Amino acid sequence: MEIEIQLTDQTIAEPIPPPLHAGAAGAWMEFRGVVRGEEDGQPIRALEYEAYPEMAVREIRRILDTLAVQHRCLAVKVIHRTGRIPVGATAIYVGVAAAHRAEAIALLGGFMDRLKQDVPIWKRQALPGPNPGRNLASPSPSESRLLGRGESTSLQPAGGHRPALRSLDEALAEIRASCQPLPALRAPLADVWGRVLRETVCAPADWPPCDRSTRDGYAILAGDPAETFSVVDTLHAGDWKPRRLAPGEAVRVATGAALPGRGLRVVMQENVERHGDRIRLRRRETAANISFRGEDFRAGAPLLPAGTTLNAGALALLATAGKTAPLVSPRLRVVHFTTGNELVPPEQTPKPGQIHDANSILIRGLLQNYPCDLAQGHLPEDFELARSKIEDRKSEIESADVLLISGGASVGEHDFTRPLLQQLGFEIVFSQVNLRPGRPLILGVNGPRVAIGLPGNPLSHFVCFHCAVATALAGLTGGTGPAFLRGQLAAKLDDQPCPRETLWPAKLEWNPGGIPRLHPLAWANSGNVACLATANALVRVPPNQGSVEPFAEVDFLPLGAMLGR
C-alpha cells in the first residue's frame, strides 16, 4: 500500500489530488477534520496543536501498515496540521484509495480510532472567541477555562504562538498548580516521621505541668537562711506528694521529681553533708535548679504550625504534648519505571554496549527522604511491549499518587514516554523545559495523580528530581517546595554560553554569620555521575551567561539533605 504522510503548519489545501493510480480504484474516500467554533461548550477562535514530528510520522505509518494487513487498500494520504489552526480550517485530512468502498471505510475508521490514542500529536490549548465589545486582554472566567491547564490567562495575539518549551520558572509554577495536597489523615506518631503536619498543634496543658527538680539534691524553702535541715521525705521521679515545708525542713529529691510545693529551691547533693536524717549546707548556690511549671510552653500556645515537616524533634514535641495521632499528609504511593535496552542491574556484569542501571538506585535513594511506598520496574524500548508490560501492572499504576518514568522523554526513535503516559490517561502539561541538564522533562496529570517523565542520564535525573519531582512531592503533601537562596561562588564556574538555563552541581558550605559559599563541581555532560557523590546544591546560571567569576553572588538550590529532609 502506498502511504504518504505530511505534518505541516500551513493551511491544508482544498481539494487534495488523489494518488496517480487512484483513478483505477473502486473508491477514493476523503475525510477532513475541521476546527469547530466551540470547545467544551464555549466559543473559540482557534485550536493549537503540538507534535513530536519524527515519532508521529513513525506511529502513523505503523498504524496504517498494521491496518493494511486486514483491509487491503491501494493508497493512503494523511496530512495533519500543527500550530495554531483557526475555526473553519482543516486540522487533519485523510484520503484512502481502495478497490472496494467497504475496505476504505474500514481502514479510515480504524485509523481515526487509533490516531488520538497512539500518535504523539496533542491539542495544547483552545483560544477563546472574543465576546463583542470586550477587551481581549482580560478574558472572562469561561475563556480562562478554555486556555487549558497551565496556560497564561492573557490571550495571545492572533498571529502569535506560545512555544511548548517552558522556562524553569514556568515549569515549576505549572507543577505547583497541578499538584494539590492529597487528603490528610490521622496517623500514630510511630508512623509520621517525614510527613507534613496538616494542622496547627497547640499545647493542651502547661509544660512542665508542675515545678520539677533538675538535679539530684534537696528541696528547701527558697529564702530559708538555715545551715542545717531535717530531711522529712524522699521524692523519686514519678512521685506526687504535695506538702508544705517549714523552715529548717528539706525533702530529698531525684532529678525530674515533682517538687512538693511552690517557692522552693534545690540544693545539689554535692553541696550537702548528710548525717542520718540531717543535712548541712557546705555551699549556697545561686541557681534554683528547678524547671518551673509552664516555662517550656503554656496551655493553648501554638507548638507546631501546619506545613511543618515532622522530624525527630517535632515528634518528641508532639509526644510531650500528648498528641498521639496528628493530622498529616498520607504516605505517597510511587511507581518508578526505568527504560533503556542497554541497562543491566548493578550486580550483573555488563556486556559490550551495556551499562549498569544507576537510575533505579538513585531514585530509591532520593525518595528515602520522603515517606512513601515505592514500587519499581523496567520497560523495554518498544512501545507495544512497554504498553503490554504496563497493562500487567495497571492496577498498581492506577493506585499510585506519583508515576516516574526514567528515560524515553526525548524525541528519538525509541522515546515513547509521552504517548505511553497519554495511553494511561495522563494529560500532558508540558514536555520540554529550557534547562540544562534536563530539557526533555515531561509533566502529566490525571486528576490528583501526577506523572513525570525524567531524562535518562543520571545527572539530568539528579537535577530534575531536586527541582521538579521535589516540587511535585511538596505540592501533593502540603509541604514547602524547594526554593532558591542567595550564595557566593568560592571558585570560578567555567562554562561556555548556553541558550538554556543551567543548574550546575556544587558543594555548599554554610558560612556562619556570612553568605553561603559554593564550590562548582566538574561535569562534562548529563551522563556524568562522579559529581553526584558530593553535590549538595545546584547553582542557577542564566541562559547565555557563560563563565561566572569567583566571589560572584548567585542563586542556588540547597538539596534535600541540607534542609533536613
Protein backbone atom coordinates (compact mmCIF):
# COMPACT_ATOMS: atom_id res chain seq x y z
CA MET A 1 0.00 0.00 0.00
CA GLU A 2 1.31 3.45 -0.90
CA ILE A 3 1.50 5.70 2.17
CA GLU A 4 2.07 9.45 2.15
CA ILE A 5 2.30 11.37 5.43
CA GLN A 6 2.73 15.11 5.97
CA LEU A 7 2.91 17.23 9.12
CA THR A 8 2.62 20.90 8.28
CA ASP A 9 2.00 24.25 9.92
CA GLN A 10 0.50 25.55 6.67
CA THR A 11 -3.12 25.59 5.53
CA ILE A 12 -4.24 22.22 4.16
CA ALA A 13 -5.23 22.77 0.55
CA GLU A 14 -8.64 22.00 -0.93
CA PRO A 15 -9.04 19.95 -2.97
CA ILE A 16 -6.27 17.40 -2.37
CA PRO A 17 -5.25 15.50 -5.52
CA PRO A 18 -5.53 11.69 -5.14
CA PRO A 19 -2.59 9.36 -5.87
CA LEU A 20 -1.81 8.87 -9.57
CA HIS A 21 -3.29 5.39 -9.74
CA ALA A 22 -6.34 6.16 -7.59
CA GLY A 23 -8.44 6.67 -10.70
CA ALA A 24 -8.38 2.92 -11.28
CA ALA A 25 -9.60 2.28 -7.76
CA GLY A 26 -13.18 1.49 -6.96
CA ALA A 27 -13.27 4.09 -4.19
CA TRP A 28 -11.44 7.26 -3.21
CA MET A 29 -12.68 8.31 0.23
CA GLU A 30 -11.71 11.59 1.87
CA PHE A 31 -12.07 12.76 5.47
CA ARG A 32 -11.48 16.27 6.80
CA GLY A 33 -11.41 17.13 10.49
CA VAL A 34 -12.38 20.81 10.71
CA VAL A 35 -11.97 23.05 13.77
CA ARG A 36 -15.41 23.87 15.11
CA GLY A 37 -16.36 27.18 16.69
CA GLU A 38 -16.68 25.77 20.20
CA GLU A 39 -14.79 23.61 22.67
CA ASP A 40 -16.42 22.17 25.80
CA GLY A 41 -19.49 24.27 25.07
CA GLN A 42 -17.54 27.55 24.91
CA PRO A 43 -16.85 29.68 21.82
CA ILE A 44 -13.30 29.55 20.48
CA ARG A 45 -11.43 31.16 17.64
CA ALA A 46 -8.64 28.58 17.17
CA LEU A 47 -7.05 25.36 18.40
CA GLU A 48 -3.34 24.89 18.92
CA TYR A 49 -1.69 21.52 18.18
CA GLU A 50 1.79 20.29 19.10
CA ALA A 51 3.59 17.20 17.81
CA TYR A 52 6.75 15.14 18.00
CA PRO A 53 7.18 15.01 14.21
CA GLU A 54 9.54 12.04 13.89
CA MET A 55 7.61 9.86 16.30
CA ALA A 56 4.23 10.99 14.96
CA VAL A 57 5.12 10.06 11.36
CA ARG A 58 6.55 6.75 12.53
CA GLU A 59 3.43 5.87 14.56
CA ILE A 60 1.04 6.88 11.76
CA ARG A 61 2.93 4.65 9.33
CA ARG A 62 2.96 1.78 11.83
CA ILE A 63 -0.79 2.04 12.36
CA LEU A 64 -1.50 2.13 8.62
CA ASP A 65 0.80 -0.82 7.93
CA THR A 66 -0.98 -2.80 10.64
CA LEU A 67 -4.46 -1.95 9.31
CA ALA A 68 -3.44 -2.71 5.72
CA VAL A 69 -2.92 -6.36 6.62
CA GLN A 70 -6.65 -6.65 7.34
CA HIS A 71 -8.05 -4.01 4.99
CA ARG A 72 -6.31 -4.19 1.60
CA CYS A 73 -6.28 -0.66 0.28
CA LEU A 74 -4.21 0.82 -2.55
CA ALA A 75 -3.04 4.14 -1.09
CA VAL A 76 -3.44 6.42 1.93
CA LYS A 77 -2.59 10.09 2.26
CA VAL A 78 -2.52 11.70 5.73
CA ILE A 79 -1.94 15.42 6.34
CA HIS A 80 -2.05 16.76 9.89
CA ARG A 81 -1.70 20.45 10.59
CA THR A 82 0.14 21.68 13.72
CA GLY A 83 0.48 25.05 15.39
CA ARG A 84 -2.49 27.43 15.55
CA ILE A 85 -5.48 26.40 13.43
CA PRO A 86 -8.40 28.85 13.17
CA VAL A 87 -12.06 27.90 13.30
CA GLY A 88 -13.26 26.50 9.97
CA ALA A 89 -9.81 25.35 8.85
CA THR A 90 -8.85 21.70 8.34
CA ALA A 91 -6.80 20.16 11.16
CA ILE A 92 -6.47 16.69 9.61
CA TYR A 93 -7.03 15.26 6.17
CA VAL A 94 -7.11 11.53 5.31
CA GLY A 95 -7.63 10.16 1.81
CA VAL A 96 -7.96 6.40 1.17
CA ALA A 97 -7.93 4.66 -2.21
CA ALA A 98 -9.24 1.09 -2.35
CA ALA A 99 -10.70 -1.40 -4.77
CA HIS A 100 -13.87 -1.57 -2.70
CA ARG A 101 -15.66 1.09 -0.70
CA ALA A 102 -16.01 -1.15 2.38
CA GLU A 103 -12.23 -1.59 2.67
CA ALA A 104 -11.66 2.17 2.51
CA ILE A 105 -14.33 2.83 5.17
CA ALA A 106 -12.93 0.15 7.50
CA LEU A 107 -9.33 1.35 7.21
CA LEU A 108 -10.34 5.00 7.68
CA GLY A 109 -12.42 4.17 10.76
CA GLY A 110 -9.68 2.04 12.29
CA PHE A 111 -7.07 4.71 11.68
CA MET A 112 -9.11 7.52 13.23
CA ASP A 113 -9.81 5.37 16.31
CA ARG A 114 -6.09 4.84 16.90
CA LEU A 115 -4.83 8.27 15.85
CA LYS A 116 -5.69 10.07 19.09
CA GLN A 117 -4.69 7.12 21.23
CA ASP A 118 -1.29 6.24 19.78
CA VAL A 119 0.11 9.19 17.83
CA PRO A 120 2.03 11.94 19.67
CA ILE A 121 0.04 14.88 18.30
CA TRP A 122 -1.67 16.86 21.04
CA LYS A 123 -4.24 19.58 21.32
CA ARG A 124 -2.39 22.06 23.54
CA GLN A 125 -4.99 24.74 24.01
CA ALA A 126 -8.19 26.30 22.73
CA LEU A 127 -8.08 30.05 22.15
CA PRO A 128 -11.34 31.70 23.26
CA GLY A 129 -13.55 33.53 20.82
CA PRO A 130 -14.00 37.15 21.94
CA ASN A 131 -17.36 38.49 23.04
CA PRO A 132 -18.40 41.72 21.24
CA GLY A 133 -17.22 44.85 22.98
CA ARG A 134 -14.85 43.07 25.40
CA ASN A 135 -11.20 43.83 25.98
CA LEU A 136 -9.26 40.79 24.74
CA ALA A 137 -6.53 41.39 27.31
CA SER A 138 -8.98 40.48 30.11
CA PRO A 139 -10.59 37.08 29.47
CA SER A 140 -13.76 36.07 31.23
CA PRO A 141 -13.77 33.08 33.61
CA SER A 142 -15.22 30.89 30.86
CA GLU A 143 -12.48 31.99 28.47
CA SER A 144 -9.83 31.33 31.09
CA ARG A 145 -11.08 27.76 31.48
CA LEU A 146 -10.58 27.22 27.76
CA LEU A 147 -6.93 28.17 27.86
CA GLY A 148 -6.00 24.77 29.17
CA ARG A 149 -4.03 23.62 32.21
CA GLY A 150 -1.06 25.80 32.95
CA GLU A 151 -1.64 28.34 30.15
CA SER A 152 -1.45 32.06 30.74
CA THR A 153 -4.81 33.77 31.19
CA SER A 154 -3.81 36.59 28.87
CA LEU A 155 -4.78 35.99 25.28
CA GLN A 156 -2.09 35.73 22.61
CA PRO A 157 -2.10 37.97 19.54
CA ALA A 158 -3.82 36.32 16.59
CA GLY A 159 -0.53 35.68 14.83
CA GLY A 160 1.40 34.63 17.94
CA HIS A 161 2.34 31.18 19.14
CA ARG A 162 3.40 30.24 22.62
CA PRO A 163 6.23 27.73 22.33
CA ALA A 164 5.99 24.34 24.04
CA LEU A 165 9.39 24.94 25.63
CA ARG A 166 8.89 26.13 29.20
CA SER A 167 11.30 28.18 31.24
CA LEU A 168 12.30 26.65 34.57
CA ASP A 169 10.14 29.14 36.46
CA GLU A 170 7.13 28.39 34.23
CA ALA A 171 7.61 24.65 34.64
CA LEU A 172 7.84 24.87 38.44
CA ALA A 173 4.76 27.11 38.55
CA GLU A 174 2.80 24.59 36.49
CA ILE A 175 3.95 21.74 38.73
CA ARG A 176 2.79 23.65 41.79
CA ALA A 177 -0.55 24.42 40.14
CA SER A 178 -1.03 20.80 39.08
CA CYS A 179 -0.04 19.13 42.39
CA GLN A 180 -2.55 19.97 45.08
CA PRO A 181 -2.41 18.45 48.60
CA LEU A 182 -3.90 14.98 48.89
CA PRO A 183 -6.46 14.42 51.66
CA ALA A 184 -4.93 14.45 55.15
CA LEU A 185 -5.37 11.65 57.68
CA ARG A 186 -4.55 10.92 61.30
CA ALA A 187 -1.72 8.51 61.95
CA PRO A 188 0.20 7.30 65.03
CA LEU A 189 3.41 9.05 65.98
CA ALA A 190 5.47 5.97 65.17
CA ASP A 191 4.42 6.28 61.52
CA VAL A 192 4.58 10.01 60.76
CA TRP A 193 8.31 10.82 60.56
CA GLY A 194 8.95 12.96 57.49
CA ARG A 195 5.28 13.61 56.81
CA VAL A 196 3.83 17.10 56.64
CA LEU A 197 1.68 18.27 59.54
CA ARG A 198 -1.67 19.45 58.20
CA GLU A 199 -2.99 21.14 61.35
CA THR A 200 -1.65 23.63 63.85
CA VAL A 201 -0.96 21.83 67.12
CA CYS A 202 -1.47 23.78 70.34
CA ALA A 203 -0.44 22.80 73.85
CA PRO A 204 -3.26 21.10 75.80
CA ALA A 205 -1.62 21.99 79.15
CA ASP A 206 1.35 23.72 80.72
CA TRP A 207 4.73 22.02 80.33
CA PRO A 208 6.20 21.07 82.62
CA PRO A 209 2.89 20.51 84.43
CA CYS A 210 4.48 21.31 87.81
CA ASP A 211 7.78 22.52 89.26
CA ARG A 212 10.37 19.77 88.80
CA SER A 213 13.88 19.29 90.09
CA THR A 214 16.70 19.45 87.55
CA ARG A 215 19.23 17.93 89.99
CA ASP A 216 19.62 15.14 92.50
CA GLY A 217 19.59 17.01 95.80
CA TYR A 218 17.41 18.52 98.49
CA ALA A 219 14.44 20.85 98.20
CA ILE A 220 14.23 23.62 100.80
CA LEU A 221 12.34 26.89 101.10
CA ALA A 222 13.80 29.41 98.65
CA GLY A 223 14.55 32.01 101.36
CA ASP A 224 15.43 29.67 104.25
CA PRO A 225 18.62 31.03 105.93
CA ALA A 226 19.29 27.87 107.94
CA GLU A 227 22.58 25.98 107.62
CA THR A 228 21.25 22.61 108.81
CA PHE A 229 17.99 20.91 107.85
CA SER A 230 15.90 17.93 108.86
CA VAL A 231 15.10 15.54 105.98
CA VAL A 232 11.33 14.93 106.23
CA ASP A 233 10.62 12.99 103.00
CA THR A 234 12.09 11.49 99.82
CA LEU A 235 10.67 12.03 96.31
CA HIS A 236 11.60 9.96 93.26
CA ALA A 237 10.74 10.80 89.65
CA GLY A 238 7.08 9.92 89.24
CA ASP A 239 6.13 10.53 92.89
CA TRP A 240 3.47 13.07 93.73
CA LYS A 241 3.49 14.11 97.43
CA PRO A 242 2.38 17.70 97.86
CA ARG A 243 3.25 19.20 101.28
CA ARG A 244 4.31 22.47 102.91
CA LEU A 245 7.85 22.74 104.11
CA ALA A 246 8.63 24.57 107.31
CA PRO A 247 11.87 26.50 107.80
CA GLY A 248 14.66 24.07 108.53
CA GLU A 249 12.97 21.20 106.64
CA ALA A 250 14.27 19.51 103.47
CA VAL A 251 12.99 16.84 101.08
CA ARG A 252 15.36 14.51 99.28
CA VAL A 253 14.53 14.79 95.52
CA ALA A 254 15.73 12.97 92.39
CA THR A 255 16.28 14.58 89.02
CA GLY A 256 12.88 15.04 87.37
CA ALA A 257 10.90 14.62 90.57
CA ALA A 258 7.84 16.80 91.08
CA LEU A 259 8.54 19.22 93.93
CA PRO A 260 6.16 19.11 96.89
CA GLY A 261 5.14 22.76 96.56
CA ARG A 262 5.97 26.25 95.25
CA GLY A 263 8.54 28.73 96.49
CA LEU A 264 11.36 26.21 96.76
CA ARG A 265 14.87 25.74 95.51
CA VAL A 266 17.01 22.62 95.16
CA VAL A 267 20.48 22.28 96.62
CA MET A 268 22.65 19.82 94.71
CA GLN A 269 23.69 16.81 96.77
CA GLU A 270 27.36 17.62 96.03
CA ASN A 271 26.97 20.73 98.18
CA VAL A 272 25.47 18.91 101.17
CA GLU A 273 26.81 16.78 104.03
CA ARG A 274 24.28 14.27 105.37
CA HIS A 275 24.31 12.57 108.74
CA GLY A 276 21.29 10.34 109.22
CA ASP A 277 18.15 12.47 108.77
CA ARG A 278 20.01 15.75 108.96
CA ILE A 279 21.94 17.69 106.33
CA ARG A 280 24.29 20.64 106.47
CA LEU A 281 24.89 23.02 103.57
CA ARG A 282 28.53 23.23 102.59
CA ARG A 283 27.87 25.91 99.97
CA ARG A 284 24.90 28.03 98.97
CA GLU A 285 24.00 28.15 95.25
CA THR A 286 22.50 30.99 93.29
CA ALA A 287 20.69 28.68 90.83
CA ALA A 288 17.27 27.35 91.82
CA ASN A 289 17.85 24.05 89.95
CA ILE A 290 14.16 23.89 89.11
CA SER A 291 12.23 23.55 85.86
CA PHE A 292 9.21 25.71 86.66
CA ARG A 293 5.66 24.93 85.61
CA GLY A 294 4.88 26.23 82.11
CA GLU A 295 8.38 27.56 81.43
CA ASP A 296 8.64 25.46 78.22
CA PHE A 297 5.14 26.27 76.98
CA ARG A 298 1.77 27.33 78.35
CA ALA A 299 -1.61 25.72 77.72
CA GLY A 300 -3.04 26.90 74.40
CA ALA A 301 0.30 28.04 73.00
CA PRO A 302 0.91 27.00 69.35
CA LEU A 303 3.58 24.30 69.25
CA LEU A 304 3.85 23.40 65.56
CA PRO A 305 2.24 25.18 62.61
CA ALA A 306 0.56 23.38 59.74
CA GLY A 307 3.09 22.70 57.00
CA THR A 308 5.83 21.52 59.36
CA THR A 309 7.82 18.53 58.13
CA LEU A 310 7.91 16.21 61.12
CA ASN A 311 11.47 15.40 62.11
CA ALA A 312 12.59 13.61 65.28
CA GLY A 313 12.49 16.78 67.38
CA ALA A 314 8.98 17.65 66.22
CA LEU A 315 7.82 14.12 67.04
CA ALA A 316 9.29 14.45 70.53
CA LEU A 317 7.36 17.69 71.00
CA LEU A 318 4.11 16.06 69.86
CA ALA A 319 4.71 13.15 72.21
CA THR A 320 5.41 15.54 75.09
CA ALA A 321 2.12 17.32 74.38
CA GLY A 322 0.26 14.00 74.18
CA LYS A 323 -0.65 14.48 70.50
CA THR A 324 -0.52 10.81 69.55
CA ALA A 325 -2.47 10.94 66.28
CA PRO A 326 -1.69 14.20 64.43
CA LEU A 327 -3.36 15.14 61.15
CA VAL A 328 -0.71 14.58 58.49
CA SER A 329 -0.16 14.06 54.79
CA PRO A 330 -0.60 10.48 53.54
CA ARG A 331 2.29 8.22 52.64
CA LEU A 332 2.70 8.65 48.91
CA ARG A 333 2.49 5.66 46.60
CA VAL A 334 5.18 5.97 43.94
CA VAL A 335 5.73 3.73 40.92
CA HIS A 336 9.00 4.13 39.03
CA PHE A 337 9.99 2.57 35.71
CA THR A 338 13.36 2.72 34.03
CA THR A 339 13.76 2.38 30.27
CA GLY A 340 16.72 1.52 28.07
CA ASN A 341 17.75 -1.76 26.49
CA GLU A 342 21.37 -1.02 27.41
CA LEU A 343 20.69 -1.14 31.16
CA VAL A 344 21.58 -4.10 33.35
CA PRO A 345 21.30 -4.40 37.16
CA PRO A 346 24.35 -3.25 39.17
CA GLU A 347 25.04 -6.82 40.30
CA GLN A 348 25.25 -8.06 36.68
CA THR A 349 28.40 -7.76 34.57
CA PRO A 350 27.63 -5.59 31.52
CA LYS A 351 28.27 -6.98 28.07
CA PRO A 352 29.80 -4.73 25.41
CA GLY A 353 27.37 -1.89 24.75
CA GLN A 354 25.61 -2.31 28.11
CA ILE A 355 25.86 -0.17 31.26
CA HIS A 356 24.76 -0.54 34.86
CA ASP A 357 21.39 0.90 35.81
CA ALA A 358 22.13 3.79 38.18
CA ASN A 359 18.73 5.48 37.95
CA SER A 360 16.79 2.87 39.94
CA ILE A 361 19.05 3.13 42.97
CA LEU A 362 19.34 6.91 42.55
CA ILE A 363 15.56 7.38 42.67
CA ARG A 364 15.24 4.92 45.56
CA GLY A 365 17.93 6.78 47.47
CA LEU A 366 16.43 10.21 46.85
CA LEU A 367 12.99 9.02 47.93
CA GLN A 368 14.39 7.80 51.26
CA ASN A 369 13.93 11.39 52.42
CA TYR A 370 10.18 11.19 51.74
CA PRO A 371 7.64 8.90 53.44
CA CYS A 372 6.43 6.83 50.51
CA ASP A 373 5.88 3.29 49.31
CA LEU A 374 7.96 2.68 46.20
CA ALA A 375 7.50 0.04 43.51
CA GLN A 376 9.99 -0.18 40.64
CA GLY A 377 10.24 -1.95 37.29
CA HIS A 378 11.81 -1.78 33.86
CA LEU A 379 10.20 -1.19 30.46
CA PRO A 380 11.56 -2.45 27.13
CA GLU A 381 12.39 0.10 24.42
CA ASP A 382 9.46 -0.93 22.29
CA PHE A 383 6.16 0.91 22.57
CA GLU A 384 3.93 -2.12 22.13
CA LEU A 385 5.97 -4.29 24.51
CA ALA A 386 6.12 -1.46 27.04
CA ARG A 387 2.38 -0.92 26.77
CA SER A 388 1.81 -4.63 27.35
CA LYS A 389 4.01 -4.62 30.43
CA ILE A 390 2.27 -1.51 31.74
CA GLU A 391 -1.05 -3.30 31.28
CA ASP A 392 0.16 -6.10 33.56
CA ARG A 393 0.72 -3.54 36.34
CA LYS A 394 -2.19 -1.27 35.52
CA SER A 395 -3.95 -1.59 38.89
CA GLU A 396 -0.70 -0.76 40.71
CA ILE A 397 -0.16 2.28 38.47
CA GLU A 398 -3.75 3.47 38.80
CA SER A 399 -3.48 3.40 42.60
CA ALA A 400 -0.20 5.35 42.60
CA ASP A 401 -0.07 9.03 43.51
CA VAL A 402 3.12 9.56 41.50
CA LEU A 403 4.37 7.77 38.38
CA LEU A 404 8.00 8.30 37.41
CA ILE A 405 9.47 7.09 34.12
CA SER A 406 13.22 7.35 33.63
CA GLY A 407 14.28 7.86 30.02
CA GLY A 408 12.24 7.86 26.84
CA ALA A 409 11.35 11.51 27.35
CA SER A 410 13.19 12.90 24.31
CA VAL A 411 12.28 12.61 20.61
CA GLY A 412 14.39 9.69 19.46
CA GLU A 413 13.10 6.64 17.66
CA HIS A 414 12.63 4.70 20.89
CA ASP A 415 11.42 7.57 23.08
CA PHE A 416 7.81 6.80 23.91
CA THR A 417 7.18 8.16 27.42
CA ARG A 418 4.75 10.85 26.31
CA PRO A 419 2.38 8.61 24.29
CA LEU A 420 2.67 5.97 27.00
CA LEU A 421 1.53 8.46 29.63
CA GLN A 422 -1.33 9.51 27.39
CA GLN A 423 -2.25 5.86 26.96
CA LEU A 424 -2.54 5.73 30.76
CA GLY A 425 -4.91 8.69 30.77
CA PHE A 426 -2.50 11.48 31.74
CA GLU A 427 -2.95 14.94 30.26
CA ILE A 428 0.43 16.31 29.21
CA VAL A 429 1.04 19.73 30.75
CA PHE A 430 4.50 20.23 29.22
CA SER A 431 7.20 18.07 27.70
CA GLN A 432 10.26 20.33 27.37
CA VAL A 433 11.98 22.77 29.73
CA ASN A 434 14.63 25.27 28.73
CA LEU A 435 17.02 23.68 31.20
CA ARG A 436 20.47 22.10 31.18
CA PRO A 437 20.69 19.32 32.09
CA GLY A 438 17.07 18.21 31.89
CA ARG A 439 15.39 19.64 28.79
CA PRO A 440 13.20 16.58 27.95
CA LEU A 441 11.17 16.79 31.18
CA ILE A 442 7.51 15.73 30.96
CA LEU A 443 4.68 16.57 33.36
CA GLY A 444 1.38 14.73 33.10
CA VAL A 445 -1.70 14.89 35.31
CA ASN A 446 -4.70 12.65 35.76
CA GLY A 447 -6.98 14.09 38.42
CA PRO A 448 -4.95 14.24 41.64
CA ARG A 449 -2.30 11.89 40.22
CA VAL A 450 0.89 13.14 38.64
CA ALA A 451 3.35 11.58 36.21
CA ILE A 452 6.85 12.87 35.49
CA GLY A 453 8.98 11.69 32.61
CA LEU A 454 12.63 12.19 33.50
CA PRO A 455 15.51 12.39 31.03
CA GLY A 456 17.54 9.19 31.17
CA ASN A 457 21.02 10.39 32.07
CA PRO A 458 21.86 10.26 35.81
CA LEU A 459 22.90 13.89 36.22
CA SER A 460 19.73 15.03 34.47
CA HIS A 461 17.84 12.70 36.80
CA PHE A 462 19.50 14.23 39.83
CA VAL A 463 18.78 17.79 38.74
CA CYS A 464 15.19 17.16 37.65
CA PHE A 465 14.38 15.28 40.84
CA HIS A 466 15.50 18.13 43.06
CA CYS A 467 13.70 20.85 41.13
CA ALA A 468 10.68 19.11 39.55
CA VAL A 469 9.93 15.91 41.48
CA ALA A 470 10.62 17.55 44.85
CA THR A 471 8.22 20.37 43.92
CA ALA A 472 5.54 17.83 42.98
CA LEU A 473 6.01 15.83 46.19
CA ALA A 474 5.77 19.01 48.26
CA GLY A 475 2.58 20.00 46.47
CA LEU A 476 0.92 16.61 47.00
CA THR A 477 1.79 16.57 50.70
CA GLY A 478 1.08 20.21 51.51
CA GLY A 479 4.74 20.90 52.29
CA THR A 480 7.11 23.66 51.31
CA GLY A 481 8.76 23.04 47.97
CA PRO A 482 12.38 23.76 47.07
CA ALA A 483 13.34 27.43 46.96
CA PHE A 484 16.40 29.22 45.64
CA LEU A 485 18.67 31.06 48.07
CA ARG A 486 21.49 33.54 47.57
CA GLY A 487 25.13 32.50 47.86
CA GLN A 488 28.64 33.27 46.67
CA LEU A 489 30.90 31.28 44.37
CA ALA A 490 34.08 30.09 46.08
CA ALA A 491 35.76 29.38 42.72
CA LYS A 492 35.24 30.14 39.05
CA LEU A 493 32.34 28.40 37.34
CA ASP A 494 33.95 27.70 33.98
CA ASP A 495 31.40 27.27 31.19
CA GLN A 496 30.53 28.24 27.63
CA PRO A 497 27.42 30.34 26.95
CA CYS A 498 24.35 28.13 26.56
CA PRO A 499 20.89 29.25 25.41
CA ARG A 500 19.38 27.12 28.17
CA GLU A 501 19.33 27.95 31.85
CA THR A 502 21.77 25.71 33.74
CA LEU A 503 21.54 24.13 37.18
CA TRP A 504 25.20 23.46 37.95
CA PRO A 505 26.11 20.87 40.63
CA ALA A 506 28.06 22.38 43.52
CA LYS A 507 29.31 21.68 47.00
CA LEU A 508 27.72 24.04 49.50
CA GLU A 509 29.41 25.30 52.66
CA TRP A 510 27.30 27.19 55.15
CA ASN A 511 29.27 30.19 56.33
CA PRO A 512 28.30 31.06 59.94
CA GLY A 513 27.43 34.70 60.06
CA GLY A 514 28.09 35.17 56.34
CA ILE A 515 26.79 34.32 52.89
CA PRO A 516 26.84 30.60 51.91
CA ARG A 517 29.79 29.61 49.70
CA LEU A 518 29.50 27.31 46.68
CA HIS A 519 32.25 25.26 45.04
CA PRO A 520 31.27 24.35 41.44
CA LEU A 521 31.84 20.67 40.64
CA ALA A 522 33.23 19.38 37.36
CA TRP A 523 30.93 17.72 34.83
CA ALA A 524 31.14 17.37 31.08
CA ASN A 525 27.69 16.05 30.14
CA SER A 526 24.45 14.82 31.66
CA GLY A 527 25.72 11.23 31.73
CA ASN A 528 28.36 12.09 34.34
CA VAL A 529 27.87 10.61 37.82
CA ALA A 530 31.11 11.38 39.71
CA CYS A 531 29.92 14.81 40.85
CA LEU A 532 26.74 13.37 42.40
CA ALA A 533 28.59 11.97 45.41
CA THR A 534 29.46 15.43 46.76
CA ALA A 535 26.80 17.68 45.20
CA ASN A 536 24.53 19.22 47.81
CA ALA A 537 23.45 22.30 45.87
CA LEU A 538 22.61 23.45 42.35
CA VAL A 539 23.87 26.83 41.17
CA ARG A 540 21.49 28.67 38.86
CA VAL A 541 23.20 30.05 35.76
CA PRO A 542 21.03 32.23 33.46
CA PRO A 543 20.78 31.46 29.72
CA ASN A 544 23.75 32.68 27.64
CA GLN A 545 25.72 33.54 30.79
CA GLY A 546 28.87 31.53 30.21
CA SER A 547 31.52 31.52 32.93
CA VAL A 548 30.90 33.08 36.34
CA GLU A 549 33.86 34.57 38.22
CA PRO A 550 34.83 33.72 41.82
CA PHE A 551 33.05 35.64 44.61
CA ALA A 552 30.11 36.44 42.33
CA GLU A 553 26.73 36.24 44.06
CA VAL A 554 24.48 33.58 42.57
CA ASP A 555 21.14 31.91 43.17
CA PHE A 556 21.37 28.32 44.33
CA LEU A 557 19.08 25.48 45.31
CA PRO A 558 20.12 23.67 48.51
CA LEU A 559 19.33 19.97 48.17
CA GLY A 560 17.14 17.91 50.47
CA ALA A 561 19.82 16.73 52.92
CA MET A 562 20.93 20.32 53.53
CA LEU A 563 17.39 21.25 54.55
CA GLY A 564 16.98 18.38 56.99
CA ARG A 565 14.75 16.24 54.80
